[in-house]
Amino acid sequence: MAIAHYQEGEALLGRSLFDCHNEDSQRQIVEILAAMRKGEDERLLTDNERHRVFMRVVRDGSGEVLGYYERYEPPTK
């Protein structure tokens, strides 16, 4: 996704997620991951005329959080 959507996308691969986000976004990511560790599965991040973006948890077989991915949807009308 980074390669397709960001001008310097390839340079982002293998770097920390926090290198790519400002302080406010970093705070949100930490907060949402904490909620996901407590059981939340998905959170709406952005809902505008271009798209809706959700943060979706990825868990292992025992339910432990491995990470997350961002799910994009076209705008709803």
N, C-alpha and C. Protein backbone atom coordinates (compact mmCIF):
# COMPACT_ATOMS: atom_id res chain seq x y z
N MET A 1 0.82 -1.18 0.00
CA MET A 1 0.00 0.00 0.00
C MET A 1 0.88 1.25 0.00
N ALA A 2 1.95 1.24 0.78
CA ALA A 2 2.81 2.42 0.86
C ALA A 2 3.39 2.77 -0.50
N ILE A 3 3.80 1.78 -1.25
CA ILE A 3 4.40 2.04 -2.56
C ILE A 3 3.39 2.68 -3.49
N ALA A 4 2.16 2.21 -3.47
CA ALA A 4 1.14 2.71 -4.38
C ALA A 4 0.59 4.09 -4.00
N HIS A 5 0.57 4.42 -2.71
CA HIS A 5 -0.12 5.62 -2.28
C HIS A 5 0.76 6.78 -1.84
N TYR A 6 2.05 6.55 -1.67
CA TYR A 6 2.93 7.62 -1.20
C TYR A 6 4.09 7.79 -2.15
N GLN A 7 4.44 9.03 -2.43
CA GLN A 7 5.50 9.34 -3.39
C GLN A 7 6.80 8.61 -3.02
N GLU A 8 7.14 8.59 -1.76
CA GLU A 8 8.36 7.93 -1.29
C GLU A 8 8.03 6.58 -0.66
N GLY A 9 6.98 5.94 -1.14
CA GLY A 9 6.47 4.72 -0.54
C GLY A 9 7.49 3.61 -0.36
N GLU A 10 8.30 3.36 -1.36
CA GLU A 10 9.26 2.27 -1.25
C GLU A 10 10.26 2.52 -0.12
N ALA A 11 10.61 3.77 0.11
CA ALA A 11 11.55 4.12 1.18
C ALA A 11 10.94 3.88 2.56
N LEU A 12 9.60 3.77 2.65
CA LEU A 12 8.93 3.54 3.93
C LEU A 12 8.99 2.09 4.37
N LEU A 13 9.18 1.18 3.43
CA LEU A 13 9.19 -0.24 3.75
C LEU A 13 10.32 -0.58 4.71
N GLY A 14 9.99 -1.33 5.76
CA GLY A 14 10.98 -1.76 6.73
C GLY A 14 11.27 -0.75 7.82
N ARG A 15 10.64 0.42 7.75
CA ARG A 15 10.84 1.45 8.77
C ARG A 15 9.74 1.36 9.82
N SER A 16 9.97 2.00 10.93
CA SER A 16 8.98 2.05 11.99
C SER A 16 7.74 2.81 11.52
N LEU A 17 6.60 2.34 11.91
CA LEU A 17 5.35 3.01 11.62
C LEU A 17 5.37 4.45 12.14
N PHE A 18 6.01 4.66 13.26
CA PHE A 18 6.06 5.99 13.86
C PHE A 18 6.91 6.97 13.07
N ASP A 19 7.83 6.48 12.23
CA ASP A 19 8.62 7.36 11.38
C ASP A 19 7.76 8.05 10.32
N CYS A 20 6.59 7.49 10.06
CA CYS A 20 5.74 7.96 8.96
C CYS A 20 4.56 8.80 9.44
N HIS A 21 4.45 9.05 10.73
CA HIS A 21 3.30 9.75 11.29
C HIS A 21 3.74 10.88 12.23
N ASN A 22 2.90 11.91 12.29
CA ASN A 22 3.17 13.01 13.21
C ASN A 22 2.83 12.59 14.64
N GLU A 23 3.12 13.47 15.60
CA GLU A 23 2.93 13.12 17.02
C GLU A 23 1.49 12.81 17.36
N ASP A 24 0.54 13.56 16.80
CA ASP A 24 -0.87 13.30 17.08
C ASP A 24 -1.29 11.93 16.56
N SER A 25 -0.88 11.60 15.35
CA SER A 25 -1.20 10.28 14.78
C SER A 25 -0.53 9.17 15.58
N GLN A 26 0.70 9.38 16.03
CA GLN A 26 1.39 8.39 16.84
C GLN A 26 0.62 8.13 18.13
N ARG A 27 0.14 9.19 18.77
CA ARG A 27 -0.66 9.06 19.99
C ARG A 27 -1.92 8.25 19.73
N GLN A 28 -2.60 8.53 18.61
CA GLN A 28 -3.82 7.79 18.26
C GLN A 28 -3.53 6.32 18.04
N ILE A 29 -2.44 6.02 17.36
CA ILE A 29 -2.08 4.62 17.08
C ILE A 29 -1.85 3.87 18.39
N VAL A 30 -1.10 4.48 19.31
CA VAL A 30 -0.83 3.84 20.60
C VAL A 30 -2.14 3.62 21.36
N GLU A 31 -3.01 4.62 21.36
CA GLU A 31 -4.29 4.53 22.06
C GLU A 31 -5.17 3.43 21.47
N ILE A 32 -5.25 3.37 20.16
CA ILE A 32 -6.10 2.36 19.52
C ILE A 32 -5.53 0.97 19.73
N LEU A 33 -4.22 0.80 19.63
CA LEU A 33 -3.62 -0.52 19.87
C LEU A 33 -3.89 -0.98 21.30
N ALA A 34 -3.88 -0.07 22.26
CA ALA A 34 -4.20 -0.43 23.64
C ALA A 34 -5.64 -0.92 23.73
N ALA A 35 -6.56 -0.25 23.05
CA ALA A 35 -7.97 -0.68 23.03
C ALA A 35 -8.10 -2.04 22.36
N MET A 36 -7.31 -2.29 21.34
CA MET A 36 -7.36 -3.57 20.64
C MET A 36 -6.82 -4.70 21.52
N ARG A 37 -5.83 -4.40 22.33
CA ARG A 37 -5.32 -5.40 23.27
C ARG A 37 -6.38 -5.77 24.30
N LYS A 38 -7.34 -4.86 24.53
CA LYS A 38 -8.44 -5.12 25.46
C LYS A 38 -9.65 -5.73 24.78
N GLY A 39 -9.57 -5.98 23.46
CA GLY A 39 -10.65 -6.67 22.78
C GLY A 39 -11.26 -5.99 21.58
N GLU A 40 -11.00 -4.71 21.36
CA GLU A 40 -11.56 -4.04 20.20
C GLU A 40 -10.97 -4.62 18.93
N ASP A 41 -11.79 -4.78 17.89
CA ASP A 41 -11.32 -5.37 16.64
C ASP A 41 -11.07 -4.36 15.53
N GLU A 42 -11.83 -3.27 15.54
CA GLU A 42 -11.72 -2.32 14.44
C GLU A 42 -12.17 -0.94 14.90
N ARG A 43 -11.54 0.09 14.31
CA ARG A 43 -11.93 1.46 14.65
C ARG A 43 -11.91 2.30 13.38
N LEU A 44 -12.93 3.12 13.20
CA LEU A 44 -12.99 4.07 12.09
C LEU A 44 -12.01 5.21 12.37
N LEU A 45 -11.11 5.48 11.43
CA LEU A 45 -10.13 6.55 11.58
C LEU A 45 -10.52 7.80 10.81
N THR A 46 -10.99 7.58 9.58
CA THR A 46 -11.29 8.69 8.67
C THR A 46 -12.57 8.39 7.92
N ASP A 47 -13.43 9.40 7.81
CA ASP A 47 -14.65 9.27 7.03
C ASP A 47 -14.87 10.60 6.32
N ASN A 48 -14.46 10.65 5.05
CA ASN A 48 -14.60 11.89 4.30
C ASN A 48 -15.04 11.59 2.87
N GLU A 49 -15.04 12.61 2.02
CA GLU A 49 -15.53 12.45 0.65
C GLU A 49 -14.63 11.56 -0.20
N ARG A 50 -13.39 11.37 0.20
CA ARG A 50 -12.47 10.53 -0.59
C ARG A 50 -12.53 9.06 -0.21
N HIS A 51 -12.67 8.78 1.10
CA HIS A 51 -12.66 7.39 1.55
C HIS A 51 -12.97 7.29 3.04
N ARG A 52 -13.23 6.06 3.44
CA ARG A 52 -13.33 5.73 4.86
C ARG A 52 -12.14 4.83 5.17
N VAL A 53 -11.46 5.09 6.28
CA VAL A 53 -10.29 4.30 6.66
C VAL A 53 -10.54 3.72 8.05
N PHE A 54 -10.33 2.41 8.15
CA PHE A 54 -10.49 1.70 9.40
C PHE A 54 -9.15 1.11 9.83
N MET A 55 -8.90 1.06 11.12
CA MET A 55 -7.75 0.36 11.67
C MET A 55 -8.29 -0.98 12.17
N ARG A 56 -7.77 -2.09 11.63
CA ARG A 56 -8.27 -3.43 11.92
C ARG A 56 -7.16 -4.26 12.55
N VAL A 57 -7.45 -4.90 13.69
CA VAL A 57 -6.45 -5.68 14.42
C VAL A 57 -6.16 -7.01 13.72
N VAL A 58 -4.93 -7.50 13.90
CA VAL A 58 -4.52 -8.84 13.47
C VAL A 58 -4.08 -9.57 14.72
N ARG A 59 -4.68 -10.73 14.97
CA ARG A 59 -4.38 -11.51 16.17
C ARG A 59 -3.82 -12.88 15.79
N ASP A 60 -3.07 -13.47 16.72
CA ASP A 60 -2.61 -14.84 16.52
C ASP A 60 -3.71 -15.80 16.98
N GLY A 61 -3.44 -17.09 16.92
CA GLY A 61 -4.43 -18.10 17.28
C GLY A 61 -4.91 -18.04 18.71
N SER A 62 -4.13 -17.45 19.59
CA SER A 62 -4.54 -17.35 20.99
C SER A 62 -5.17 -15.99 21.32
N GLY A 63 -5.33 -15.14 20.29
CA GLY A 63 -5.98 -13.86 20.49
C GLY A 63 -5.06 -12.70 20.79
N GLU A 64 -3.75 -12.95 20.85
CA GLU A 64 -2.79 -11.88 21.11
C GLU A 64 -2.65 -10.98 19.88
N VAL A 65 -2.52 -9.68 20.12
CA VAL A 65 -2.38 -8.72 19.04
C VAL A 65 -1.00 -8.84 18.40
N LEU A 66 -0.98 -9.04 17.09
CA LEU A 66 0.26 -9.07 16.32
C LEU A 66 0.54 -7.72 15.69
N GLY A 67 -0.51 -7.00 15.36
CA GLY A 67 -0.39 -5.71 14.70
C GLY A 67 -1.74 -5.30 14.16
N TYR A 68 -1.72 -4.47 13.14
CA TYR A 68 -2.96 -4.02 12.52
C TYR A 68 -2.71 -3.68 11.07
N TYR A 69 -3.81 -3.49 10.35
CA TYR A 69 -3.72 -2.95 9.00
C TYR A 69 -4.81 -1.90 8.83
N GLU A 70 -4.63 -1.03 7.87
CA GLU A 70 -5.63 -0.02 7.57
C GLU A 70 -6.45 -0.50 6.39
N ARG A 71 -7.75 -0.50 6.58
CA ARG A 71 -8.70 -0.94 5.55
C ARG A 71 -9.38 0.29 4.97
N TYR A 72 -9.32 0.41 3.65
CA TYR A 72 -9.90 1.55 2.95
C TYR A 72 -11.20 1.14 2.27
N GLU A 73 -12.19 2.02 2.31
CA GLU A 73 -13.46 1.81 1.60
C GLU A 73 -13.75 3.07 0.78
N PRO A 74 -14.42 2.90 -0.36
CA PRO A 74 -14.84 4.09 -1.10
C PRO A 74 -15.87 4.86 -0.28
N PRO A 75 -16.07 6.12 -0.58
CA PRO A 75 -17.01 6.92 0.19
C PRO A 75 -18.44 6.38 0.07
N THR A 76 -19.21 6.57 1.13
CA THR A 76 -20.62 6.22 1.07
C THR A 76 -21.39 7.48 0.65
N LYS A 77 -22.44 7.29 -0.06
CA LYS A 77 -23.21 8.45 -0.53
C LYS A 77 -24.54 8.50 0.15
